[in-house]
Protein backbone atom coordinates (compact mmCIF):
# COMPACT_ATOMS: atom_id res chain seq x y z
CA UNK A 1 87.68 -96.36 -94.91
CA UNK A 2 87.60 -96.31 -98.66
CA UNK A 3 86.06 -94.11 -101.45
CA UNK A 4 83.55 -95.58 -104.16
CA UNK A 5 84.33 -92.47 -106.32
CA UNK A 6 87.74 -91.34 -105.52
CA UNK A 7 88.47 -89.18 -108.75
CA UNK A 8 85.94 -86.70 -106.94
CA UNK A 9 88.63 -86.03 -104.35
CA UNK A 10 90.39 -83.63 -106.65
CA UNK A 11 87.68 -81.44 -106.02
CA UNK A 12 89.75 -80.83 -102.93
CA UNK A 13 92.39 -78.73 -104.72
CA UNK A 14 89.60 -75.99 -104.57
CA UNK A 15 90.29 -75.95 -100.69
CA UNK A 16 93.87 -75.23 -101.26
CA UNK A 17 92.85 -72.25 -104.03
CA UNK A 18 90.33 -70.80 -101.48
CA UNK A 19 93.26 -70.67 -98.83
CA UNK A 20 95.36 -69.06 -100.96
CA UNK A 21 92.93 -66.65 -101.88
CA UNK A 22 91.88 -65.98 -98.34
CA UNK A 23 95.60 -65.20 -97.27
CA UNK A 24 96.00 -62.90 -100.31
CA UNK A 25 92.98 -60.57 -99.44
CA UNK A 26 93.98 -60.48 -95.67
CA UNK A 27 97.25 -59.36 -96.81
CA UNK A 28 95.89 -57.04 -99.65
CA UNK A 29 93.56 -55.51 -96.46
CA UNK A 30 96.26 -55.05 -94.33
CA UNK A 31 98.48 -53.30 -97.01
CA UNK A 32 95.44 -51.16 -97.61
CA UNK A 33 95.13 -50.23 -94.17
CA UNK A 34 98.57 -49.21 -93.60
CA UNK A 35 98.70 -46.91 -96.57
CA UNK A 36 95.62 -44.90 -95.71
CA UNK A 37 95.22 -44.88 -91.93
CA UNK A 38 97.01 -42.26 -89.84
CA UNK A 39 98.72 -44.63 -87.75
CA UNK A 40 99.70 -42.74 -84.67
CA UNK A 41 95.99 -41.70 -84.57
CA UNK A 42 95.00 -45.24 -84.89
CA UNK A 43 97.29 -46.54 -82.05
CA UNK A 44 95.83 -43.96 -79.53
CA UNK A 45 92.29 -44.89 -80.43
CA UNK A 46 92.53 -48.65 -80.70
CA UNK A 47 95.52 -50.12 -79.88
CA UNK A 48 96.48 -52.92 -82.19
CA UNK A 49 95.68 -56.41 -80.67
CA UNK A 50 95.75 -59.65 -82.92
CA UNK A 51 92.72 -61.31 -82.99
CA UNK A 52 92.71 -64.67 -84.20
CA UNK A 53 88.97 -64.85 -83.99
CA UNK A 54 88.24 -63.34 -86.96
CA UNK A 55 89.79 -66.15 -89.04
CA UNK A 56 87.49 -68.84 -87.14
CA UNK A 57 84.65 -68.59 -89.51
CA UNK A 58 86.44 -68.63 -92.75
CA UNK A 59 88.57 -71.72 -91.23
CA UNK A 60 85.19 -73.16 -90.21
CA UNK A 61 83.44 -72.45 -93.66
CA UNK A 62 86.64 -74.13 -95.29
CA UNK A 63 86.00 -77.14 -93.23
CA UNK A 64 82.64 -77.59 -94.15
CA UNK A 65 83.23 -77.23 -97.90
CA UNK A 66 86.11 -79.69 -97.36
CA UNK A 67 83.70 -82.21 -95.66
CA UNK A 68 81.10 -81.80 -98.26
CA UNK A 69 83.57 -82.49 -101.23
CA UNK A 70 84.75 -85.42 -99.24
CA UNK A 71 81.24 -86.84 -99.35
CA UNK A 72 80.92 -86.49 -102.88
CA UNK A 73 83.51 -89.00 -103.26
CA UNK A 74 81.19 -91.53 -101.49
CA UNK A 75 83.15 -92.69 -98.40
CA UNK A 76 82.20 -96.26 -97.24
CA UNK A 77 83.29 -98.54 -94.59
CA UNK A 78 83.87 -102.09 -95.05
CA UNK A 79 81.56 -104.47 -93.22
CA UNK A 80 80.85 -108.09 -92.90
CA UNK A 81 77.37 -109.53 -93.69
CA UNK A 82 76.08 -112.95 -94.24
CA UNK A 83 76.71 -114.21 -97.80
CA UNK A 84 73.30 -114.59 -99.66
CA UNK A 85 74.37 -117.44 -101.90
CA UNK A 86 77.69 -119.61 -102.78
CA UNK A 87 78.87 -122.83 -104.52
CA UNK A 88 81.04 -124.54 -102.39
CA UNK A 89 83.13 -127.76 -103.91
CA UNK A 90 84.70 -129.90 -101.04
CA UNK A 91 87.43 -131.91 -102.47
CA UNK A 92 89.01 -134.75 -100.53
CA UNK A 93 91.95 -136.89 -101.17
CA UNK A 94 91.49 -140.75 -101.09
CA UNK A 95 94.73 -142.16 -102.02
CA UNK A 96 96.24 -144.84 -100.22
CA UNK A 97 98.25 -142.80 -97.98
CA UNK A 98 94.85 -141.97 -96.28
CA UNK A 99 94.64 -145.22 -94.53
CA UNK A 100 97.60 -144.05 -92.18
CA UNK A 101 96.92 -144.42 -88.96
CA UNK A 102 98.84 -141.27 -87.36
CA UNK A 103 95.40 -139.71 -86.79
CA UNK A 104 92.68 -142.01 -84.83
CA UNK A 105 91.35 -144.05 -86.33
CA UNK A 106 92.75 -143.51 -89.90
CA UNK A 107 93.23 -140.25 -91.68
CA UNK A 108 90.24 -141.15 -94.16
CA UNK A 109 87.78 -141.52 -91.31
CA UNK A 110 88.76 -138.74 -89.40
CA UNK A 111 88.58 -136.48 -92.51
CA UNK A 112 85.34 -137.93 -93.48
CA UNK A 113 83.88 -136.99 -89.97
CA UNK A 114 85.12 -133.41 -90.22
CA UNK A 115 83.95 -132.77 -93.80
CA UNK A 116 80.75 -134.37 -92.79
CA UNK A 117 80.23 -131.72 -89.93
CA UNK A 118 81.53 -128.90 -92.39
CA UNK A 119 78.81 -129.40 -94.89
CA UNK A 120 76.02 -129.70 -92.13
CA UNK A 121 77.47 -126.22 -90.71
CA UNK A 122 77.00 -124.54 -94.17
CA UNK A 123 74.15 -122.14 -94.39
CA UNK A 124 71.03 -124.13 -96.28
CA UNK A 125 71.22 -121.20 -99.47
CA UNK A 126 74.67 -122.77 -100.10
CA UNK A 127 75.22 -125.13 -102.96
CA UNK A 128 77.58 -127.99 -102.14
CA UNK A 129 79.25 -130.41 -104.34
CA UNK A 130 82.12 -133.49 -103.33
CA UNK A 131 84.92 -134.21 -105.51
CA UNK A 132 86.86 -137.61 -104.74
CA UNK A 133 90.58 -137.77 -106.14
CA UNK A 134 93.15 -140.51 -105.96
CA UNK A 135 94.84 -141.35 -109.39
CA UNK A 136 91.93 -139.53 -111.35
CA UNK A 137 89.05 -137.18 -109.86
CA UNK A 138 85.49 -137.69 -109.61
CA UNK A 139 82.76 -135.54 -109.31
CA UNK A 140 80.56 -137.61 -106.58
CA UNK A 141 78.17 -135.31 -106.17
CA UNK A 142 77.36 -131.92 -108.17
CA UNK A 143 76.37 -128.52 -106.34
CA UNK A 144 73.08 -128.98 -104.85
CA UNK A 145 71.27 -127.66 -101.70
CA UNK A 146 70.63 -131.31 -100.61
CA UNK A 147 73.67 -131.27 -98.00
CA UNK A 148 72.61 -134.49 -96.51
CA UNK A 149 73.16 -136.14 -99.72
CA UNK A 150 76.51 -134.91 -99.99
CA UNK A 151 76.95 -135.87 -96.09
CA UNK A 152 75.95 -139.38 -97.26
CA UNK A 153 78.21 -139.33 -100.31
CA UNK A 154 81.10 -138.47 -98.41
CA UNK A 155 80.28 -141.31 -95.93
CA UNK A 156 80.86 -143.56 -98.91
CA UNK A 157 84.41 -142.41 -99.97
CA UNK A 158 86.78 -145.33 -100.81
CA UNK A 159 90.38 -145.66 -101.31
CA UNK A 160 92.37 -145.78 -104.34
CA UNK A 161 95.88 -145.61 -105.49
CA UNK A 162 97.36 -142.44 -106.69
CA UNK A 163 96.99 -138.93 -105.81
CA UNK A 164 95.93 -136.29 -108.43
CA UNK A 165 95.50 -132.95 -106.39
CA UNK A 166 95.41 -130.90 -109.90
CA UNK A 167 92.77 -133.12 -111.04
CA UNK A 168 90.85 -132.58 -107.87
CA UNK A 169 90.70 -129.12 -108.60
CA UNK A 170 89.97 -129.54 -112.54
CA UNK A 171 87.19 -131.71 -111.47
CA UNK A 172 85.77 -129.04 -108.80
CA UNK A 173 86.03 -126.06 -111.35
CA UNK A 174 84.15 -128.43 -114.06
CA UNK A 175 81.62 -129.03 -111.46
CA UNK A 176 81.06 -125.19 -110.91
CA UNK A 177 81.27 -124.32 -114.47
CA UNK A 178 78.42 -127.00 -115.41
CA UNK A 179 76.44 -125.76 -112.30
CA UNK A 180 76.98 -122.14 -113.45
CA UNK A 181 75.43 -122.82 -116.96
CA UNK A 182 72.28 -124.15 -115.66
CA UNK A 183 71.90 -121.02 -113.36
CA UNK A 184 68.53 -119.21 -114.06
CA UNK A 185 70.32 -115.88 -112.87
CA UNK A 186 73.54 -114.68 -111.98
CA UNK A 187 75.95 -117.51 -110.70
CA UNK A 188 76.93 -117.22 -107.04
CA UNK A 189 80.37 -116.64 -106.08
CA UNK A 190 82.34 -120.31 -105.77
CA UNK A 191 85.03 -121.50 -103.81
CA UNK A 192 86.98 -124.94 -103.42
CA UNK A 193 88.05 -126.29 -99.95
CA UNK A 194 90.75 -128.99 -100.63
CA UNK A 195 92.05 -131.60 -98.33
CA UNK A 196 95.22 -133.81 -99.12
CA UNK A 197 97.77 -135.78 -97.25
CA UNK A 198 100.32 -136.35 -99.85
CA UNK A 199 101.81 -134.90 -102.98
CA UNK A 200 100.62 -134.74 -106.71
CA UNK A 201 101.53 -138.02 -108.32
CA UNK A 202 99.31 -138.38 -111.61
CA UNK A 203 97.30 -135.87 -113.86
CA UNK A 204 98.06 -132.49 -114.36
CA UNK A 205 100.35 -130.24 -112.25
CA UNK A 206 99.06 -128.36 -109.30
CA UNK A 207 100.48 -125.01 -110.52
CA UNK A 208 98.62 -125.61 -113.87
CA UNK A 209 95.41 -126.08 -111.97
CA UNK A 210 95.99 -122.97 -110.00
CA UNK A 211 96.52 -120.92 -112.64
CA UNK A 212 93.03 -121.78 -114.37
CA UNK A 213 91.55 -121.43 -110.78
CA UNK A 214 92.98 -118.02 -110.17
CA UNK A 215 91.83 -117.03 -113.87
CA UNK A 216 88.10 -118.18 -113.37
CA UNK A 217 88.48 -116.22 -109.73
CA UNK A 218 87.48 -119.48 -107.58
CA UNK A 219 89.71 -119.24 -104.51
CA UNK A 220 91.04 -122.62 -103.30
CA UNK A 221 91.41 -123.32 -99.55
CA UNK A 222 94.05 -126.22 -99.00
CA UNK A 223 94.18 -128.26 -96.02
CA UNK A 224 97.52 -130.45 -95.20
CA UNK A 225 96.37 -133.32 -93.38
CA UNK A 226 98.48 -135.36 -91.28
CA UNK A 227 101.28 -135.55 -89.36
CA UNK A 228 104.27 -136.56 -91.85
CA UNK A 229 105.62 -139.10 -89.79
CA UNK A 230 103.16 -141.98 -90.96
CA UNK A 231 104.23 -145.29 -92.96
CA UNK A 232 101.57 -146.90 -95.01
CA UNK A 233 101.94 -150.40 -96.75
CA UNK A 234 101.82 -150.46 -100.62
CA UNK A 235 102.10 -153.88 -102.58
CA UNK A 236 104.09 -154.99 -99.19
CA UNK A 237 106.43 -152.37 -98.87
CA UNK A 238 106.26 -149.81 -96.36
CA UNK A 239 106.30 -146.38 -97.56
CA UNK A 240 106.27 -142.72 -95.75
CA UNK A 241 103.14 -140.97 -96.37
CA UNK A 242 104.77 -137.55 -97.02
CA UNK A 243 102.64 -134.36 -97.38
CA UNK A 244 103.79 -131.86 -99.96
CA UNK A 245 102.99 -128.70 -97.90
CA UNK A 246 104.36 -126.11 -100.17
CA UNK A 247 102.82 -127.20 -103.19
CA UNK A 248 99.31 -126.69 -101.20
CA UNK A 249 100.34 -123.56 -99.66
CA UNK A 250 101.11 -122.52 -103.22
CA UNK A 251 97.90 -123.44 -104.71
CA UNK A 252 95.79 -121.40 -101.91
CA UNK A 253 97.97 -118.36 -102.07
CA UNK A 254 98.04 -118.11 -106.04
CA UNK A 255 93.81 -118.65 -105.82
CA UNK A 256 93.29 -116.27 -103.25
CA UNK A 257 92.54 -118.82 -100.66
CA UNK A 258 93.91 -119.89 -97.28
CA UNK A 259 96.28 -122.62 -96.32
CA UNK A 260 95.80 -124.46 -93.44
CA UNK A 261 97.54 -127.53 -91.44
CA UNK A 262 95.96 -130.01 -89.34
CA UNK A 263 97.40 -132.91 -87.54
CA UNK A 264 94.48 -134.35 -85.67
CA UNK A 265 90.74 -134.71 -85.97
CA UNK A 266 90.04 -131.51 -83.72
CA UNK A 267 92.49 -129.54 -85.79
CA UNK A 268 90.67 -130.40 -88.93
CA UNK A 269 87.42 -129.53 -87.19
CA UNK A 270 88.88 -126.14 -86.25
CA UNK A 271 90.14 -125.55 -89.92
CA UNK A 272 86.58 -126.55 -91.18
CA UNK A 273 85.09 -123.97 -88.66
CA UNK A 274 87.33 -121.12 -89.64
CA UNK A 275 86.65 -122.02 -93.30
CA UNK A 276 82.85 -121.89 -92.95
CA UNK A 277 83.07 -118.62 -90.91
CA UNK A 278 84.70 -116.97 -93.84
CA UNK A 279 82.34 -118.52 -96.53
CA UNK A 280 79.32 -117.77 -94.60
CA UNK A 281 80.05 -113.99 -94.42
CA UNK A 282 81.53 -111.53 -97.49
CA UNK A 283 82.71 -108.02 -97.16
CA UNK A 284 80.71 -105.37 -98.49
CA UNK A 285 81.26 -101.45 -98.67
CA UNK A 286 78.69 -99.93 -97.01
CA UNK A 287 78.16 -95.85 -97.76
CA UNK A 288 78.58 -93.39 -95.06
CA UNK A 289 77.64 -90.23 -96.90
CA UNK A 290 74.92 -89.29 -94.48
CA UNK A 291 77.74 -89.04 -91.52
CA UNK A 292 79.84 -86.82 -93.45
CA UNK A 293 76.84 -84.44 -94.40
CA UNK A 294 75.72 -84.27 -90.56
CA UNK A 295 79.22 -83.35 -89.87
CA UNK A 296 79.10 -80.52 -92.79
CA UNK A 297 75.75 -79.19 -91.16
CA UNK A 298 77.15 -79.26 -87.79
CA UNK A 299 80.25 -77.24 -88.87
CA UNK A 300 77.78 -75.01 -91.22
CA UNK A 301 75.95 -74.02 -87.79
CA UNK A 302 79.21 -73.52 -86.16
CA UNK A 303 80.31 -71.11 -88.73
CA UNK A 304 77.21 -69.24 -88.51
CA UNK A 305 76.81 -69.02 -84.43
CA UNK A 306 80.55 -67.83 -84.34
CA UNK A 307 80.14 -65.28 -87.31
CA UNK A 308 76.71 -63.92 -85.22
CA UNK A 309 78.10 -63.55 -81.80
CA UNK A 310 81.60 -62.36 -82.80
CA UNK A 311 80.85 -60.17 -85.67
CA UNK A 312 76.96 -59.67 -85.48
CA UNK A 313 76.92 -60.79 -89.23
CA UNK A 314 76.54 -63.84 -91.44
CA UNK A 315 79.89 -64.93 -93.13
């Protein structure tokens, strides 16, 4: 639970003041009784019997006031609800290492199929775009409601030399910015889902891209794809297809996104499913002031009932 107007909780200090005043009044009353009463006669007529019941109405009244003051701070509970709209950029590594066959049939085709399934499951109200990056990054598809067009663009992705992960982020951010400028109303929240199987070898640094994405409040969820034990042939030489997992992890953490590892197409499908679930909902704070007011009413009624039953008067 949280409070939307927490500064109003300072009014709870009044409760402490009231409790102090009540204790002081009770002591004054006791001193007055002792000073002006014939104690020997009083003990014979009405022996002293401590009765905590006389404090119950005051305690209930104090609780009632505390609950009402707390309700003034607008208590709220976090709840998940379907996100009305969003812009999602899917960034896919198409470097030569994506030809590695450690994942059947190869990394690129497995990534294509999973990415297509991911786009297909996104709500129709979401705008989806596609960026491909190798030595440079290209916006293959600008954000659109036409998810089938994006799925077709994913199918046509081709390999290229180099790996520019940072440029993939920058291209995605630029596509989001261009789309937001054309929006007729407030731009929707945005996110980038980036898949890579390598390390940054060209273009701007990943940390630089992460800083800009964080500044623009665009989270990047990064997926490290591959087993890390594959070899690929480049210019007749066998080269290890290494994955810079730490850089991808840092990219996700620095931007408020999530980092994932996938070593098979099934694992990648699970990753995309998890990302889709998180992107499809948003956390909002639902006010629960009514509940607090109801509790205060019940406490107020209890205060009145106990006072009438035990002391034949209202507090």
